[in-house]
Amino acid sequence: MLVDDDPFITALLTRQLNEQGYENVNVARNSEQCMGQLKKNDIIILDHWLVEENGIDLLRQIKSEAPDTPVIFLSGQEFITIAIKSLK
């Protein structure tokens, strides 16, 4: 599942994943859509900046509901504090 509010980024990543053989790539634009679509076998690529929230809060929700779900945290942020928070 791709979680990002930018349609260009999700289209680009979906295309890349499809070219690599991944099918059924779901896209969520916010935490509500993500949590509504969350399945136990998902791998999530999560953006840090979402329109009404940040990815760290959503990461906490995901790990609370499905702790074994792998999450790739994606961000163009240059601040190391964001990386540290996401790892914690």
C-alpha atoms as a PDB file:
ATOM      1  CA  MET A   1       0.000   0.000   0.000  1.00  0.00           C
ATOM      2  CA  LEU A   2       1.198   3.491  -0.832  1.00  0.00           C
ATOM      3  CA  VAL A   3       0.177   6.212   1.596  1.00  0.00           C
ATOM      4  CA  ASP A   4       0.743   9.657   0.120  1.00  0.00           C
ATOM      5  CA  ASP A   5      -1.530  12.594  -0.670  1.00  0.00           C
ATOM      6  CA  ASP A   6       0.381  13.511  -3.844  1.00  0.00           C
ATOM      7  CA  PRO A   7      -1.236  11.875  -6.912  1.00  0.00           C
ATOM      8  CA  PHE A   8       1.923  12.307  -8.991  1.00  0.00           C
ATOM      9  CA  ILE A   9       4.095  10.464  -6.454  1.00  0.00           C
ATOM     10  CA  THR A  10       1.605   7.627  -6.012  1.00  0.00           C
ATOM     11  CA  ALA A  11       1.232   7.221  -9.794  1.00  0.00           C
ATOM     12  CA  LEU A  12       5.015   7.154 -10.206  1.00  0.00           C
ATOM     13  CA  LEU A  13       5.545   4.650  -7.383  1.00  0.00           C
ATOM     14  CA  THR A  14       2.642   2.464  -8.527  1.00  0.00           C
ATOM     15  CA  ARG A  15       4.122   2.305 -12.006  1.00  0.00           C
ATOM     16  CA  GLN A  16       7.554   1.409 -10.655  1.00  0.00           C
ATOM     17  CA  LEU A  17       6.139  -1.291  -8.390  1.00  0.00           C
ATOM     18  CA  ASN A  18       4.056  -2.746 -11.246  1.00  0.00           C
ATOM     19  CA  GLU A  19       7.148  -2.859 -13.455  1.00  0.00           C
ATOM     20  CA  GLN A  20       8.910  -4.799 -10.691  1.00  0.00           C
ATOM     21  CA  GLY A  21       6.111  -7.370 -10.676  1.00  0.00           C
ATOM     22  CA  TYR A  22       4.050  -6.094  -7.739  1.00  0.00           C
ATOM     23  CA  GLU A  23       0.341  -6.197  -8.446  1.00  0.00           C
ATOM     24  CA  ASN A  24      -2.663  -4.903  -6.526  1.00  0.00           C
ATOM     25  CA  VAL A  25      -0.929  -1.774  -5.261  1.00  0.00           C
ATOM     26  CA  ASN A  26      -3.458   0.070  -3.105  1.00  0.00           C
ATOM     27  CA  VAL A  27      -3.238   3.820  -2.612  1.00  0.00           C
ATOM     28  CA  ALA A  28      -4.417   5.702   0.462  1.00  0.00           C
ATOM     29  CA  ARG A  29      -4.416   9.497   0.605  1.00  0.00           C
ATOM     30  CA  ASN A  30      -4.783   9.805   4.400  1.00  0.00           C
ATOM     31  CA  SER A  31      -4.805   7.833   7.649  1.00  0.00           C
ATOM     32  CA  GLU A  32      -8.508   7.024   7.455  1.00  0.00           C
ATOM     33  CA  GLN A  33      -8.143   5.414   4.030  1.00  0.00           C
ATOM     34  CA  CYS A  34      -4.975   3.598   5.113  1.00  0.00           C
ATOM     35  CA  MET A  35      -6.474   2.122   8.258  1.00  0.00           C
ATOM     36  CA  GLY A  36      -9.663   1.184   6.382  1.00  0.00           C
ATOM     37  CA  GLN A  37      -7.665  -0.773   3.793  1.00  0.00           C
ATOM     38  CA  LEU A  38      -5.025  -2.235   6.116  1.00  0.00           C
ATOM     39  CA  LYS A  39      -4.513  -5.968   5.676  1.00  0.00           C
ATOM     40  CA  LYS A  40      -2.184  -8.256   7.550  1.00  0.00           C
ATOM     41  CA  ASN A  41      -0.062  -9.029   4.511  1.00  0.00           C
ATOM     42  CA  ASP A  42       0.514  -5.412   3.499  1.00  0.00           C
ATOM     43  CA  ILE A  43       3.826  -3.709   3.082  1.00  0.00           C
ATOM     44  CA  ILE A  44       3.325   0.013   3.442  1.00  0.00           C
ATOM     45  CA  ILE A  45       5.279   2.833   1.836  1.00  0.00           C
ATOM     46  CA  LEU A  46       4.376   5.838   3.977  1.00  0.00           C
ATOM     47  CA  ASP A  47       5.037   9.513   3.305  1.00  0.00           C
ATOM     48  CA  HIS A  48       5.940  11.735   6.237  1.00  0.00           C
ATOM     49  CA  TRP A  49       3.957  14.809   5.155  1.00  0.00           C
ATOM     50  CA  LEU A  50       0.264  14.236   4.596  1.00  0.00           C
ATOM     51  CA  VAL A  51      -2.175  17.136   4.171  1.00  0.00           C
ATOM     52  CA  GLU A  52      -3.894  17.018   7.550  1.00  0.00           C
ATOM     53  CA  GLU A  53      -1.457  14.895   9.538  1.00  0.00           C
ATOM     54  CA  ASN A  54       2.041  13.548   9.634  1.00  0.00           C
ATOM     55  CA  GLY A  55       3.238  10.077   8.869  1.00  0.00           C
ATOM     56  CA  ILE A  56       4.688   9.466  12.329  1.00  0.00           C
ATOM     57  CA  ASP A  57       1.218   9.610  13.886  1.00  0.00           C
ATOM     58  CA  LEU A  58      -0.089   7.221  11.225  1.00  0.00           C
ATOM     59  CA  LEU A  59       2.908   4.935  11.742  1.00  0.00           C
ATOM     60  CA  ARG A  60       1.915   4.662  15.417  1.00  0.00           C
ATOM     61  CA  GLN A  61      -1.653   3.715  14.425  1.00  0.00           C
ATOM     62  CA  ILE A  62      -0.439   1.093  11.960  1.00  0.00           C
ATOM     63  CA  LYS A  63       1.945  -0.478  14.474  1.00  0.00           C
ATOM     64  CA  SER A  64      -0.754  -0.431  17.150  1.00  0.00           C
ATOM     65  CA  GLU A  65      -3.219  -2.327  14.958  1.00  0.00           C
ATOM     66  CA  ALA A  66      -0.805  -4.496  12.945  1.00  0.00           C
ATOM     67  CA  PRO A  67       2.592  -4.527  14.699  1.00  0.00           C
ATOM     68  CA  ASP A  68       4.201  -6.969  12.253  1.00  0.00           C
ATOM     69  CA  THR A  69       3.386  -4.863   9.199  1.00  0.00           C
ATOM     70  CA  PRO A  70       6.571  -3.694   7.466  1.00  0.00           C
ATOM     71  CA  VAL A  71       6.600   0.056   6.822  1.00  0.00           C
ATOM     72  CA  ILE A  72       8.984   1.920   4.547  1.00  0.00           C
ATOM     73  CA  PHE A  73       8.983   5.523   5.700  1.00  0.00           C
ATOM     74  CA  LEU A  74       9.520   7.839   2.735  1.00  0.00           C
ATOM     75  CA  SER A  75      10.284  11.511   3.013  1.00  0.00           C
ATOM     76  CA  GLY A  76      12.137  14.271   1.279  1.00  0.00           C
ATOM     77  CA  GLN A  77      12.875  15.835   4.650  1.00  0.00           C
ATOM     78  CA  GLU A  78      16.465  16.631   5.420  1.00  0.00           C
ATOM     79  CA  PHE A  79      16.029  16.725   9.187  1.00  0.00           C
ATOM     80  CA  ILE A  80      17.626  13.825  11.030  1.00  0.00           C
ATOM     81  CA  THR A  81      15.152  14.236  13.911  1.00  0.00           C
ATOM     82  CA  ILE A  82      12.352  12.965  11.678  1.00  0.00           C
ATOM     83  CA  ALA A  83      14.328   9.836  10.845  1.00  0.00           C
ATOM     84  CA  ILE A  84      15.062   9.254  14.533  1.00  0.00           C
ATOM     85  CA  LYS A  85      11.389   9.694  15.513  1.00  0.00           C
ATOM     86  CA  SER A  86      10.238   7.265  12.846  1.00  0.00           C
ATOM     87  CA  LEU A  87      12.714   4.617  14.010  1.00  0.00           C
ATOM     88  CA  LYS A  88      11.572   4.909  17.615  1.00  0.00           C
END
